[in-house]
Amino acid sequence: MSLHPASDFSVPDDTAAVARAVFPQGTACLRLRDRLGPIFADEQFVSLFPKSGQPAECPWRLALVTLLQFGENLSDRRAADAVRSRIDWKYLLGLSLNDPGFDASVLSEFRSRLVKGGAESLLFDRLLVLCREQGFLAQHGRQRTDSTHVLGAVRTLTRLACAIETLRTALDALAVAARDWLRAHADKACAERYERRGGDVHIPKGEAARRAFAETVGRDGEALLGAVTGLGAPAWLREVPAVEILRRVWVQNFCRRDDDAGPSEPHKPQILRWRTEVEGFPPSALMVASPHDPDVHYAKKRQTTWIGFKVHLTETCESGQPNLITHVETTAAPVVDRDVLADVHAALRDKDLRPERHLVDAGYIDADGLVASHRDHGVTLVGPPPGDNQWQARTEGAFAIEQFDLDWDRKIATCPAGQTSESWIPDTNGGHDNVRIRFSLTHCKACPLKARCTRSNRRILAPRRRQEHEALVAARTAAKDPAFIAERKRRAGIEGTLSKAVRANGLRRSRYIGAAKTHLQQVLTAAAINLHRIADWIADQKPAQTRKSAFVRLMAAPA
């Protein structure tokens, strides 16, 4: 398919006349076309198409159809039918009433071009540029962010079912890629043992029987991997993706250790065992949850467990302007919210849409994030800061760390009783740099305020580094301000956006296999939501048409 950019973007006269007659009050598509024009242009997609070949369908129309499709959560076939049958769509797309449209497969091919060309955000970013030109986006205002989980487009499997399905998938892949080689090296018993999918295989009851069955599966997979990596095997077999996934799953679920029946002997080979919590598991971000989509991972957030991804939506929340989504970040499911914040700020900076105040919930805020957001991007985080979990902070009348005077230049701390610290030593705790401050054992034991200060022999403080500690204290103080509390309430609006995207646009469940296509789905959904909100905003800006009374209509009518 080659691209031949179109030059005529006008709406045919017959389409315009019928659309105006049928929709005298206008529709979303009519308002968008009248205010924004065609929105996209073929020249923006030149890099995605070769220079020679059969002419392709106009990509600017395919882009609009894709957004309309995701806005109404339509399949490719239903979207193609809508292009042929809906007058408002034809008006937006600039098609004549008798235009037959295109085959549904064109939409799938267009999305594949976006992913292959690394242009998943092309439609979304172009729409943001247009919104800025139209004055719908304010720079350096307030924005808000929240996340939700996304279910992968694969079945949820137990570890044993995943191992069985992985081995079955590898056998099927080799049966196609190396038929004769597999026939010579595969055990005939495997054909019956792995005939069914992993989730449909009968697993024996009882811990011992399940372990024995799992280790039988492990030996079958180990034998196949040994044959693939043997001296007589073609080298290219090791590069088959299903074989590589099999190797990863076997490392994660099986291990070799001595037989439990007797002591270890140097010459005695170790036995393949089903891995348990005793041997440990790799982190969830590395664990393969399904051989059909290695990008999905297991995650748990409070009472919700899933395998898949997580999506973070950021939108504007300024009064007097439409709330438009400015960034979509799709991550692996186990990635915690606060680790995404730096990438979100960097992306908004590159788009010249950096907010001055960023409204988030507690999952995005920690001491490091408070400092880094302001230092690196000039962004102030607005949200509930991490609390002090020490008993002194939760007990009325007790001395929390805020009651101590910390002289960072002299490296001396003064307690509420007036005593100074004995030592001030840099320390590391939980992967964070902090300071360990000790007070004198003699002073603490004799202090009349000791019951309000510590339950041990002496008081020990462990604040973060100076910048992080001061940012944390300032955030905790600001969180008590009524104006701060009122501003925080604006963050709740992003939950409504997520709810709409989940319930009306299918954001919660991935349509596709792989992280790249899943991200494309999230970005197209966000762009479709923006398109709908722009149409609603344009409608709200039009002056309301007052209904004329019967008397006025009577007097205005000809005699």
Protein backbone atom coordinates (compact mmCIF):
# COMPACT_ATOMS: atom_id res chain seq x y z
CA MET A 1 0.00 0.00 0.00
CA SER A 2 1.36 3.43 -0.94
CA LEU A 3 0.12 6.80 0.18
CA HIS A 4 -1.18 9.40 -2.24
CA PRO A 5 -2.10 12.43 -0.07
CA ALA A 6 -5.57 13.81 -0.67
CA SER A 7 -6.06 17.50 -1.38
CA ASP A 8 -9.85 17.84 -1.20
CA PHE A 9 -11.20 17.87 2.36
CA SER A 10 -14.55 19.52 1.68
CA VAL A 11 -17.93 18.04 2.56
CA PRO A 12 -19.97 17.10 -0.56
CA ASP A 13 -23.05 19.27 -1.12
CA ASP A 14 -25.49 16.35 -1.03
CA THR A 15 -24.09 15.11 2.31
CA ALA A 16 -24.17 18.60 3.83
CA ALA A 17 -27.77 19.25 2.68
CA VAL A 18 -29.11 15.96 4.04
CA ALA A 19 -27.16 16.22 7.30
CA ARG A 20 -28.49 19.74 7.97
CA ALA A 21 -32.03 18.64 7.17
CA VAL A 22 -31.91 15.50 9.31
CA PHE A 23 -29.97 17.06 12.22
CA PRO A 24 -31.14 20.70 12.46
CA GLN A 25 -29.77 20.96 16.00
CA GLY A 26 -26.46 19.39 14.97
CA THR A 27 -24.61 16.33 16.33
CA ALA A 28 -21.15 15.76 17.76
CA CYS A 29 -19.75 14.88 14.32
CA LEU A 30 -21.28 17.95 12.68
CA ARG A 31 -19.99 20.26 15.39
CA LEU A 32 -16.48 18.80 15.20
CA ARG A 33 -16.34 19.18 11.41
CA ASP A 34 -17.68 22.76 11.47
CA ARG A 35 -15.30 23.91 14.21
CA LEU A 36 -12.14 21.86 13.67
CA GLY A 37 -12.31 20.90 10.00
CA PRO A 38 -10.91 17.47 8.97
CA ILE A 39 -8.64 17.38 12.11
CA PHE A 40 -6.00 15.16 10.44
CA ALA A 41 -4.10 15.37 7.14
CA ASP A 42 -2.56 12.62 5.03
CA GLU A 43 0.88 14.24 5.23
CA GLN A 44 1.07 13.35 8.93
CA PHE A 45 1.12 9.63 8.05
CA VAL A 46 3.66 9.64 5.19
CA SER A 47 6.32 7.82 7.23
CA LEU A 48 3.98 4.86 7.83
CA PHE A 49 3.48 4.00 4.15
CA PRO A 50 5.90 2.90 1.40
CA LYS A 51 6.48 5.13 -1.61
CA SER A 52 5.21 2.62 -4.15
CA GLY A 53 2.39 0.12 -4.37
CA GLN A 54 -1.37 0.05 -4.53
CA PRO A 55 -3.00 3.30 -3.31
CA ALA A 56 -4.09 3.11 0.32
CA GLU A 57 -7.30 4.37 1.86
CA CYS A 58 -6.97 8.00 3.02
CA PRO A 59 -5.27 7.74 6.44
CA TRP A 60 -6.82 10.98 7.72
CA ARG A 61 -10.24 9.35 7.31
CA LEU A 62 -9.04 6.10 8.87
CA ALA A 63 -7.73 8.08 11.84
CA LEU A 64 -11.11 9.72 12.38
CA VAL A 65 -12.98 6.43 11.96
CA THR A 66 -10.63 4.82 14.49
CA LEU A 67 -11.39 7.50 17.08
CA LEU A 68 -15.13 7.26 16.43
CA GLN A 69 -14.85 3.48 16.71
CA PHE A 70 -13.09 3.58 20.08
CA GLY A 71 -15.41 6.33 21.27
CA GLU A 72 -18.41 4.03 20.80
CA ASN A 73 -16.51 0.79 21.56
CA LEU A 74 -17.31 -0.72 18.15
CA SER A 75 -15.72 -3.69 16.43
CA ASP A 76 -13.98 -3.16 13.09
CA ARG A 77 -16.94 -4.58 11.17
CA ARG A 78 -19.48 -2.39 12.95
CA ALA A 79 -17.28 0.68 12.45
CA ALA A 80 -16.99 -0.03 8.71
CA ASP A 81 -20.78 -0.45 8.55
CA ALA A 82 -21.22 2.91 10.31
CA VAL A 83 -19.08 4.60 7.66
CA ARG A 84 -21.45 3.30 4.99
CA SER A 85 -24.73 3.98 6.78
CA ARG A 86 -24.43 6.94 9.16
CA ILE A 87 -24.98 10.41 7.73
CA ASP A 88 -23.19 12.24 10.57
CA TRP A 89 -20.09 10.08 10.08
CA LYS A 90 -20.10 10.79 6.34
CA TYR A 91 -20.34 14.53 7.09
CA LEU A 92 -17.31 14.40 9.41
CA LEU A 93 -15.36 12.24 6.94
CA GLY A 94 -16.28 14.33 3.90
CA LEU A 95 -17.88 11.42 2.04
CA SER A 96 -20.77 11.50 -0.41
CA LEU A 97 -24.00 9.76 0.52
CA ASN A 98 -23.44 6.95 -1.99
CA ASP A 99 -19.84 6.24 -0.91
CA PRO A 100 -19.53 2.47 -0.16
CA GLY A 101 -16.80 2.92 2.45
CA PHE A 102 -14.09 0.28 2.84
CA ASP A 103 -13.52 -3.24 4.08
CA ALA A 104 -13.26 -3.71 7.85
CA SER A 105 -9.75 -5.22 7.56
CA VAL A 106 -8.40 -1.78 6.57
CA LEU A 107 -8.83 -0.57 10.17
CA SER A 108 -6.79 -3.44 11.57
CA GLU A 109 -4.08 -2.81 8.99
CA PHE A 110 -4.03 0.88 9.90
CA ARG A 111 -3.55 0.12 13.61
CA SER A 112 -0.75 -2.31 12.76
CA ARG A 113 1.01 0.45 10.82
CA LEU A 114 0.79 2.74 13.83
CA VAL A 115 2.38 0.12 16.11
CA LYS A 116 5.03 -0.94 13.60
CA GLY A 117 5.99 2.69 12.99
CA GLY A 118 6.15 3.51 16.71
CA ALA A 119 3.36 6.03 16.19
CA GLU A 120 0.90 4.85 18.83
CA SER A 121 0.46 8.40 20.13
CA LEU A 122 0.30 10.12 16.72
CA LEU A 123 -3.48 10.62 16.69
CA PHE A 124 -3.61 11.57 20.36
CA ASP A 125 -0.79 14.14 20.14
CA ARG A 126 -2.14 15.68 16.93
CA LEU A 127 -5.49 16.22 18.62
CA LEU A 128 -3.77 17.91 21.58
CA VAL A 129 -1.94 20.28 19.22
CA LEU A 130 -5.24 21.19 17.59
CA CYS A 131 -6.84 21.74 21.01
CA ARG A 132 -4.03 24.10 21.98
CA GLU A 133 -4.50 26.07 18.74
CA GLN A 134 -8.23 26.34 19.47
CA GLY A 135 -7.61 27.55 23.03
CA PHE A 136 -9.00 24.44 24.71
CA LEU A 137 -5.75 23.72 26.60
CA ALA A 138 -4.16 25.98 29.20
CA GLN A 139 -0.42 25.71 29.73
CA HIS A 140 1.07 25.37 33.20
CA GLY A 141 -2.24 25.01 34.98
CA ARG A 142 -3.60 22.22 37.15
CA GLN A 143 -3.74 18.60 36.05
CA ARG A 144 -4.68 15.37 37.80
CA THR A 145 -3.61 11.74 37.44
CA ASP A 146 -4.92 8.36 38.50
CA SER A 147 -4.53 4.76 37.38
CA THR A 148 -6.58 1.61 36.92
CA HIS A 149 -5.79 -1.99 36.12
CA VAL A 150 -6.12 -3.47 32.64
CA LEU A 151 -6.84 -7.17 32.14
CA GLY A 152 -4.68 -8.91 29.57
CA ALA A 153 -6.31 -10.59 26.57
CA VAL A 154 -5.34 -14.04 27.88
CA ARG A 155 -6.73 -16.51 30.38
CA THR A 156 -5.58 -16.34 33.99
CA LEU A 157 -3.60 -19.51 34.71
CA THR A 158 -2.16 -21.08 37.82
CA ARG A 159 1.59 -21.66 37.85
CA LEU A 160 1.17 -25.33 36.97
CA ALA A 161 -1.37 -24.62 34.24
CA CYS A 162 0.99 -21.97 32.83
CA ALA A 163 3.84 -24.50 32.74
CA ILE A 164 1.66 -27.07 30.96
CA GLU A 165 0.38 -24.51 28.44
CA THR A 166 3.92 -23.21 27.82
CA LEU A 167 5.21 -26.70 27.02
CA ARG A 168 2.18 -27.38 24.78
CA THR A 169 2.74 -24.09 22.94
CA ALA A 170 6.44 -24.87 22.42
CA LEU A 171 5.60 -28.33 21.05
CA ASP A 172 3.06 -26.82 18.64
CA ALA A 173 5.55 -24.17 17.47
CA LEU A 174 8.25 -26.78 16.84
CA ALA A 175 5.73 -29.03 15.08
CA VAL A 176 5.32 -26.26 12.51
CA ALA A 177 8.91 -24.96 12.38
CA ALA A 178 10.83 -28.27 12.62
CA ARG A 179 8.39 -31.08 11.93
CA ASP A 180 10.85 -33.86 11.10
CA TRP A 181 13.25 -32.95 13.91
CA LEU A 182 10.46 -32.95 16.52
CA ARG A 183 9.09 -36.29 15.33
CA ALA A 184 12.55 -37.84 15.90
CA HIS A 185 13.13 -36.32 19.36
CA ALA A 186 9.72 -35.97 21.03
CA ASP A 187 8.30 -38.54 23.43
CA LYS A 188 5.10 -40.06 22.05
CA ALA A 189 3.52 -39.90 25.50
CA CYS A 190 3.65 -36.10 25.31
CA ALA A 191 1.10 -36.09 22.49
CA GLU A 192 -1.53 -37.49 24.83
CA ARG A 193 -0.35 -35.68 27.95
CA TYR A 194 -0.42 -32.21 26.36
CA GLU A 195 -3.34 -32.61 24.01
CA ARG A 196 -5.50 -30.18 26.00
CA ARG A 197 -4.85 -26.59 26.95
CA GLY A 198 -3.15 -25.98 30.28
CA GLY A 199 -6.30 -24.65 31.92
CA ASP A 200 -8.31 -27.71 30.84
CA VAL A 201 -5.90 -30.42 32.03
CA HIS A 202 -7.08 -32.48 35.00
CA ILE A 203 -4.75 -31.78 37.94
CA PRO A 204 -4.56 -34.58 40.54
CA LYS A 205 -5.90 -33.83 44.01
CA GLY A 206 -3.60 -33.74 47.00
CA GLU A 207 -0.33 -31.90 47.53
CA ALA A 208 1.89 -34.92 46.90
CA ALA A 209 0.04 -35.96 43.74
CA ARG A 210 0.11 -32.41 42.33
CA ARG A 211 3.83 -32.11 43.03
CA ALA A 212 4.53 -35.44 41.34
CA PHE A 213 2.47 -34.41 38.30
CA ALA A 214 4.23 -31.02 38.13
CA GLU A 215 7.65 -32.69 38.25
CA THR A 216 6.61 -35.03 35.44
CA VAL A 217 5.78 -31.96 33.37
CA GLY A 218 9.12 -30.48 34.41
CA ARG A 219 11.05 -33.51 33.19
CA ASP A 220 9.22 -33.41 29.85
CA GLY A 221 10.08 -29.75 29.36
CA GLU A 222 13.65 -30.27 30.47
CA ALA A 223 14.04 -33.11 27.98
CA LEU A 224 12.75 -30.91 25.16
CA LEU A 225 15.08 -28.05 26.12
CA GLY A 226 17.99 -30.49 26.30
CA ALA A 227 17.21 -31.76 22.81
CA VAL A 228 16.88 -28.23 21.41
CA THR A 229 20.26 -27.19 22.85
CA GLY A 230 21.99 -30.49 22.00
CA LEU A 231 24.94 -30.68 19.65
CA GLY A 232 22.98 -32.23 16.79
CA ALA A 233 20.09 -29.77 16.91
CA PRO A 234 19.88 -26.85 14.44
CA ALA A 235 21.05 -23.66 16.14
CA TRP A 236 18.04 -21.69 14.97
CA LEU A 237 15.70 -23.81 17.11
CA ARG A 238 16.93 -21.95 20.19
CA GLU A 239 15.71 -18.69 18.69
CA VAL A 240 12.11 -19.83 18.32
CA PRO A 241 10.14 -17.47 20.62
CA ALA A 242 8.08 -20.29 22.15
CA VAL A 243 11.28 -22.15 23.09
CA GLU A 244 12.74 -19.07 24.77
CA ILE A 245 9.53 -18.61 26.76
CA LEU A 246 9.68 -22.30 27.74
CA ARG A 247 13.20 -21.80 29.08
CA ARG A 248 12.12 -18.77 31.14
CA VAL A 249 9.07 -20.53 32.57
CA TRP A 250 11.13 -23.58 33.55
CA VAL A 251 13.72 -21.46 35.36
CA GLN A 252 10.95 -19.66 37.22
CA ASN A 253 8.97 -22.76 38.24
CA PHE A 254 11.51 -25.57 38.61
CA CYS A 255 14.80 -25.97 40.43
CA ARG A 256 17.36 -28.67 41.08
CA ARG A 257 18.19 -29.74 44.60
CA ASP A 258 19.31 -32.82 46.54
CA ASP A 259 16.94 -35.70 47.21
CA ASP A 260 15.14 -35.33 50.53
CA ALA A 261 15.78 -39.00 51.33
CA GLY A 262 19.47 -38.69 52.07
CA PRO A 263 22.49 -36.37 52.36
CA SER A 264 24.05 -34.74 49.36
CA GLU A 265 26.75 -36.64 47.52
CA PRO A 266 29.19 -34.93 45.10
CA HIS A 267 28.68 -37.59 42.41
CA LYS A 268 24.93 -37.87 42.86
CA PRO A 269 22.87 -35.81 40.38
CA GLN A 270 20.34 -33.41 41.82
CA ILE A 271 16.63 -33.98 41.26
CA LEU A 272 14.32 -31.62 39.38
CA ARG A 273 11.82 -30.17 41.85
CA TRP A 274 8.70 -28.01 41.59
CA ARG A 275 9.68 -24.62 43.00
CA THR A 276 7.96 -23.54 46.24
CA GLU A 277 8.21 -20.57 48.58
CA VAL A 278 11.18 -22.25 50.24
CA GLU A 279 13.27 -21.90 47.06
CA GLY A 280 11.65 -18.53 46.26
CA PHE A 281 10.19 -17.03 43.09
CA PRO A 282 11.40 -14.26 40.79
CA PRO A 283 9.71 -10.85 41.17
CA SER A 284 6.31 -10.50 39.54
CA ALA A 285 7.69 -8.07 36.94
CA LEU A 286 9.87 -10.92 35.55
CA MET A 287 7.46 -13.82 36.05
CA VAL A 288 5.79 -15.09 32.87
CA ALA A 289 2.04 -15.32 33.55
CA SER A 290 1.03 -16.69 30.13
CA PRO A 291 3.01 -18.09 27.19
CA HIS A 292 0.61 -16.38 24.78
CA ASP A 293 1.49 -12.88 26.04
CA PRO A 294 4.80 -12.61 27.93
CA ASP A 295 4.11 -8.91 28.57
CA VAL A 296 1.28 -9.58 31.05
CA HIS A 297 2.22 -9.97 34.71
CA TYR A 298 0.50 -10.79 37.96
CA ALA A 299 -0.30 -7.93 40.34
CA LYS A 300 -2.35 -7.25 43.45
CA LYS A 301 -3.70 -3.94 44.74
CA ARG A 302 -5.57 -4.19 48.00
CA GLN A 303 -8.25 -6.84 47.32
CA THR A 304 -7.92 -6.80 43.50
CA THR A 305 -5.70 -9.33 41.75
CA TRP A 306 -5.18 -9.58 38.00
CA ILE A 307 -2.73 -10.37 35.21
CA GLY A 308 -2.23 -7.67 32.64
CA PHE A 309 -1.18 -4.04 32.73
CA LYS A 310 -1.87 -0.73 34.44
CA VAL A 311 -2.83 2.52 32.71
CA HIS A 312 -2.34 6.05 34.08
CA LEU A 313 -4.48 8.88 32.71
CA THR A 314 -3.58 12.55 33.20
CA GLU A 315 -6.09 15.30 32.40
CA THR A 316 -6.51 19.04 32.82
CA CYS A 317 -8.87 20.37 35.50
CA GLU A 318 -8.99 24.13 35.01
CA SER A 319 -12.24 26.04 35.42
CA GLY A 320 -13.66 27.51 32.24
CA GLN A 321 -12.02 24.94 29.95
CA PRO A 322 -12.83 21.36 28.94
CA ASN A 323 -11.15 18.60 30.92
CA LEU A 324 -8.91 16.97 28.31
CA ILE A 325 -6.63 13.97 28.76
CA THR A 326 -3.04 15.10 28.16
CA HIS A 327 -1.06 11.91 28.68
CA VAL A 328 -1.52 8.14 28.75
CA GLU A 329 1.09 5.94 30.42
CA THR A 330 0.76 2.14 30.11
CA THR A 331 2.99 0.09 32.41
CA ALA A 332 3.41 -3.47 33.57
CA ALA A 333 0.89 -4.38 36.25
CA PRO A 334 3.38 -4.63 39.19
CA VAL A 335 4.80 -1.12 38.68
CA VAL A 336 3.77 1.10 41.60
CA ASP A 337 2.20 4.48 40.89
CA ARG A 338 4.96 6.67 42.31
CA ASP A 339 7.55 5.14 39.95
CA VAL A 340 5.60 6.44 36.94
CA LEU A 341 5.45 10.07 37.99
CA ALA A 342 8.85 11.10 36.57
CA ASP A 343 7.98 9.65 33.14
CA VAL A 344 4.61 11.42 33.16
CA HIS A 345 6.21 14.79 33.96
CA ALA A 346 8.91 14.30 31.32
CA ALA A 347 6.30 13.46 28.67
CA LEU A 348 4.17 16.49 29.58
CA ARG A 349 7.26 18.70 29.42
CA ASP A 350 8.10 17.42 25.93
CA LYS A 351 4.54 18.28 24.83
CA ASP A 352 4.85 21.72 26.45
CA LEU A 353 1.93 20.81 28.69
CA ARG A 354 3.75 20.70 32.02
CA PRO A 355 1.39 21.54 34.92
CA GLU A 356 2.34 23.83 37.76
CA ARG A 357 0.24 21.87 40.25
CA HIS A 358 -0.35 18.16 39.85
CA LEU A 359 -3.23 16.60 41.80
CA VAL A 360 -2.63 12.95 42.69
CA ASP A 361 -3.59 10.44 45.36
CA ALA A 362 -1.38 8.96 48.08
CA GLY A 363 -0.01 6.22 45.80
CA TYR A 364 1.97 8.77 43.75
CA ILE A 365 3.50 10.77 46.60
CA ASP A 366 6.62 10.10 48.65
CA ALA A 367 9.45 12.30 49.88
CA ASP A 368 11.65 11.61 46.84
CA GLY A 369 8.81 12.44 44.45
CA LEU A 370 8.01 15.72 46.19
CA VAL A 371 11.60 16.88 45.77
CA ALA A 372 12.27 15.46 42.29
CA SER A 373 9.02 16.79 40.77
CA HIS A 374 9.76 20.35 41.86
CA ARG A 375 13.51 20.21 41.20
CA ASP A 376 13.46 18.52 37.78
CA HIS A 377 10.16 19.74 36.33
CA GLY A 378 8.93 22.66 38.42
CA VAL A 379 5.80 20.73 39.38
CA THR A 380 4.16 20.92 42.80
CA LEU A 381 2.47 17.71 43.87
CA VAL A 382 -0.89 18.18 45.57
CA GLY A 383 -2.12 15.20 47.51
CA PRO A 384 -2.00 13.40 50.86
CA PRO A 385 1.67 13.08 51.86
CA PRO A 386 3.01 9.95 53.58
CA GLY A 387 2.18 10.05 57.28
CA ASP A 388 4.51 9.54 60.21
CA ASN A 389 3.92 5.97 61.40
CA GLN A 390 5.80 6.36 64.68
CA TRP A 391 3.67 6.01 67.80
CA GLN A 392 4.67 9.52 68.89
CA ALA A 393 2.91 11.00 65.83
CA ARG A 394 -0.26 9.04 66.62
CA THR A 395 -0.35 9.85 70.35
CA GLU A 396 -1.67 13.15 71.63
CA GLY A 397 0.92 15.01 73.68
CA ALA A 398 3.83 12.85 72.48
CA PHE A 399 6.87 14.32 70.74
CA ALA A 400 6.95 13.55 67.02
CA ILE A 401 9.96 14.40 64.89
CA GLU A 402 8.44 17.80 64.03
CA GLN A 403 8.89 18.84 67.70
CA PHE A 404 12.67 18.46 67.41
CA ASP A 405 14.86 21.30 66.16
CA LEU A 406 17.18 19.95 63.45
CA ASP A 407 20.24 22.09 62.69
CA TRP A 408 21.32 20.59 59.37
CA ASP A 409 24.36 22.82 59.00
CA ARG A 410 25.83 21.97 62.40
CA LYS A 411 24.42 18.42 62.36
CA ILE A 412 22.86 18.81 65.79
CA ALA A 413 19.31 18.04 66.90
CA THR A 414 17.67 19.59 69.97
CA CYS A 415 14.85 17.79 71.77
CA PRO A 416 11.79 19.49 73.37
CA ALA A 417 13.55 19.28 76.73
CA GLY A 418 16.50 21.30 75.40
CA GLN A 419 19.04 18.48 75.21
CA THR A 420 21.23 18.19 72.10
CA SER A 421 21.97 15.03 70.16
CA GLU A 422 24.97 12.82 70.84
CA SER A 423 25.60 11.67 67.25
CA TRP A 424 24.47 12.46 63.68
CA ILE A 425 25.36 9.71 61.19
CA PRO A 426 24.29 9.26 57.54
CA ASP A 427 22.44 5.99 57.10
CA THR A 428 20.48 3.95 54.56
CA ASN A 429 17.15 2.37 55.37
CA GLY A 430 14.76 0.66 52.94
CA GLY A 431 16.80 1.82 49.95
CA HIS A 432 16.54 5.50 50.99
CA ASP A 433 19.30 7.78 52.25
CA ASN A 434 18.52 9.18 55.67
CA VAL A 435 20.17 10.32 58.89
CA ARG A 436 20.39 8.43 62.18
CA ILE A 437 20.37 10.82 65.15
CA ARG A 438 21.04 9.50 68.67
CA PHE A 439 20.50 11.30 71.95
CA SER A 440 22.50 10.68 75.13
CA LEU A 441 21.47 7.63 77.13
CA THR A 442 22.19 9.51 80.34
CA HIS A 443 20.03 12.50 79.44
CA CYS A 444 17.12 10.39 78.19
CA LYS A 445 16.95 8.16 81.28
CA ALA A 446 16.84 11.15 83.63
CA CYS A 447 14.47 13.25 81.50
CA PRO A 448 11.04 13.90 83.10
CA LEU A 449 9.47 13.98 79.58
CA LYS A 450 10.79 10.54 78.61
CA ALA A 451 7.32 8.88 78.67
CA ARG A 452 6.15 11.34 76.02
CA CYS A 453 9.28 10.90 73.91
CA THR A 454 10.41 7.26 73.77
CA ARG A 455 9.66 3.80 75.11
CA SER A 456 13.27 2.66 74.87
CA ASN A 457 16.32 3.78 76.79
CA ARG A 458 17.07 6.66 74.45
CA ARG A 459 15.40 8.59 71.59
CA ILE A 460 16.66 7.86 68.10
CA LEU A 461 15.51 9.90 65.08
CA ALA A 462 15.76 8.68 61.49
CA PRO A 463 14.73 11.57 59.22
CA ARG A 464 15.31 11.56 55.47
CA ARG A 465 17.95 13.80 53.92
CA ARG A 466 17.48 17.52 54.37
CA GLN A 467 15.59 18.26 51.14
CA GLU A 468 13.30 15.26 51.44
CA HIS A 469 12.63 15.84 55.15
CA GLU A 470 11.80 19.52 54.72
CA ALA A 471 9.57 18.77 51.71
CA LEU A 472 7.76 16.10 53.72
CA VAL A 473 7.23 18.38 56.72
CA ALA A 474 6.01 21.21 54.47
CA ALA A 475 3.60 18.85 52.67
CA ARG A 476 2.18 17.58 55.97
CA THR A 477 1.68 21.14 57.17
CA ALA A 478 0.04 22.23 53.90
CA ALA A 479 -2.29 19.22 53.99
CA LYS A 480 -4.03 20.74 57.01
CA ASP A 481 -4.77 24.03 55.23
CA PRO A 482 -8.48 24.39 54.21
CA ALA A 483 -7.49 25.84 50.83
CA PHE A 484 -5.25 22.82 50.20
CA ILE A 485 -8.05 20.45 51.17
CA ALA A 486 -10.47 22.24 48.83
CA GLU A 487 -7.99 22.01 45.94
CA ARG A 488 -7.46 18.31 46.57
CA LYS A 489 -11.15 17.68 45.93
CA ARG A 490 -10.58 18.44 42.24
CA ARG A 491 -8.60 15.20 41.95
CA ALA A 492 -11.78 13.14 42.29
CA GLY A 493 -12.78 14.14 38.76
CA ILE A 494 -10.17 11.83 37.23
CA GLU A 495 -11.98 8.89 38.80
CA GLY A 496 -15.05 9.84 36.77
CA THR A 497 -12.92 9.85 33.63
CA LEU A 498 -11.58 6.38 34.44
CA SER A 499 -15.09 5.14 35.16
CA LYS A 500 -16.35 6.44 31.82
CA ALA A 501 -13.39 4.94 29.98
CA VAL A 502 -13.94 1.57 31.66
CA ARG A 503 -17.73 1.35 31.38
CA ALA A 504 -18.34 2.99 28.01
CA ASN A 505 -15.05 2.52 26.15
CA GLY A 506 -13.80 -0.87 27.34
CA LEU A 507 -10.56 0.45 28.85
CA ARG A 508 -10.41 -2.25 31.53
CA ARG A 509 -9.95 -5.18 29.15
CA SER A 510 -7.20 -5.30 26.53
CA ARG A 511 -8.34 -6.16 23.01
CA TYR A 512 -4.89 -7.20 21.85
CA ILE A 513 -1.83 -9.28 22.70
CA GLY A 514 1.32 -7.42 23.76
CA ALA A 515 2.17 -4.22 25.59
CA ALA A 516 2.55 -2.10 22.42
CA LYS A 517 -0.92 -2.86 21.07
CA THR A 518 -2.46 -2.53 24.52
CA HIS A 519 -0.90 0.92 24.85
CA LEU A 520 -2.29 1.80 21.43
CA GLN A 521 -5.75 0.84 22.65
CA GLN A 522 -5.41 3.06 25.74
CA VAL A 523 -4.15 6.03 23.71
CA LEU A 524 -6.90 5.73 21.10
CA THR A 525 -9.50 5.48 23.86
CA ALA A 526 -8.15 8.64 25.49
CA ALA A 527 -8.17 10.49 22.14
CA ALA A 528 -11.77 9.37 21.53
CA ILE A 529 -12.80 10.68 24.95
CA ASN A 530 -11.12 14.01 24.17
CA LEU A 531 -12.94 14.20 20.84
CA HIS A 532 -16.27 13.64 22.56
CA ARG A 533 -15.53 16.25 25.22
CA ILE A 534 -14.52 18.82 22.62
CA ALA A 535 -17.82 18.26 20.82
CA ASP A 536 -19.74 18.72 24.08
CA TRP A 537 -17.74 21.86 24.88
CA ILE A 538 -18.49 23.37 21.47
CA ALA A 539 -22.19 22.64 21.99
CA ASP A 540 -22.17 24.28 25.43
CA GLN A 541 -20.53 27.42 24.06
CA LYS A 542 -23.33 28.04 21.57
CA PRO A 543 -25.99 30.46 22.81
CA ALA A 544 -29.10 28.68 23.97
CA GLN A 545 -31.99 28.88 21.56
CA THR A 546 -35.06 30.16 23.34
CA ARG A 547 -38.36 28.55 22.40
CA LYS A 548 -40.74 31.15 20.98
CA SER A 549 -44.17 31.39 22.56
CA ALA A 550 -47.33 30.52 20.62
CA PHE A 551 -48.31 34.22 20.46
CA VAL A 552 -44.96 35.31 19.00
CA ARG A 553 -45.11 32.54 16.38
CA LEU A 554 -48.70 33.52 15.52
CA MET A 555 -47.84 37.18 14.98
CA ALA A 556 -44.73 36.31 12.94
CA ALA A 557 -46.58 34.00 10.60
CA PRO A 558 -47.90 35.43 7.31
CA ALA A 559 -51.61 36.38 7.32
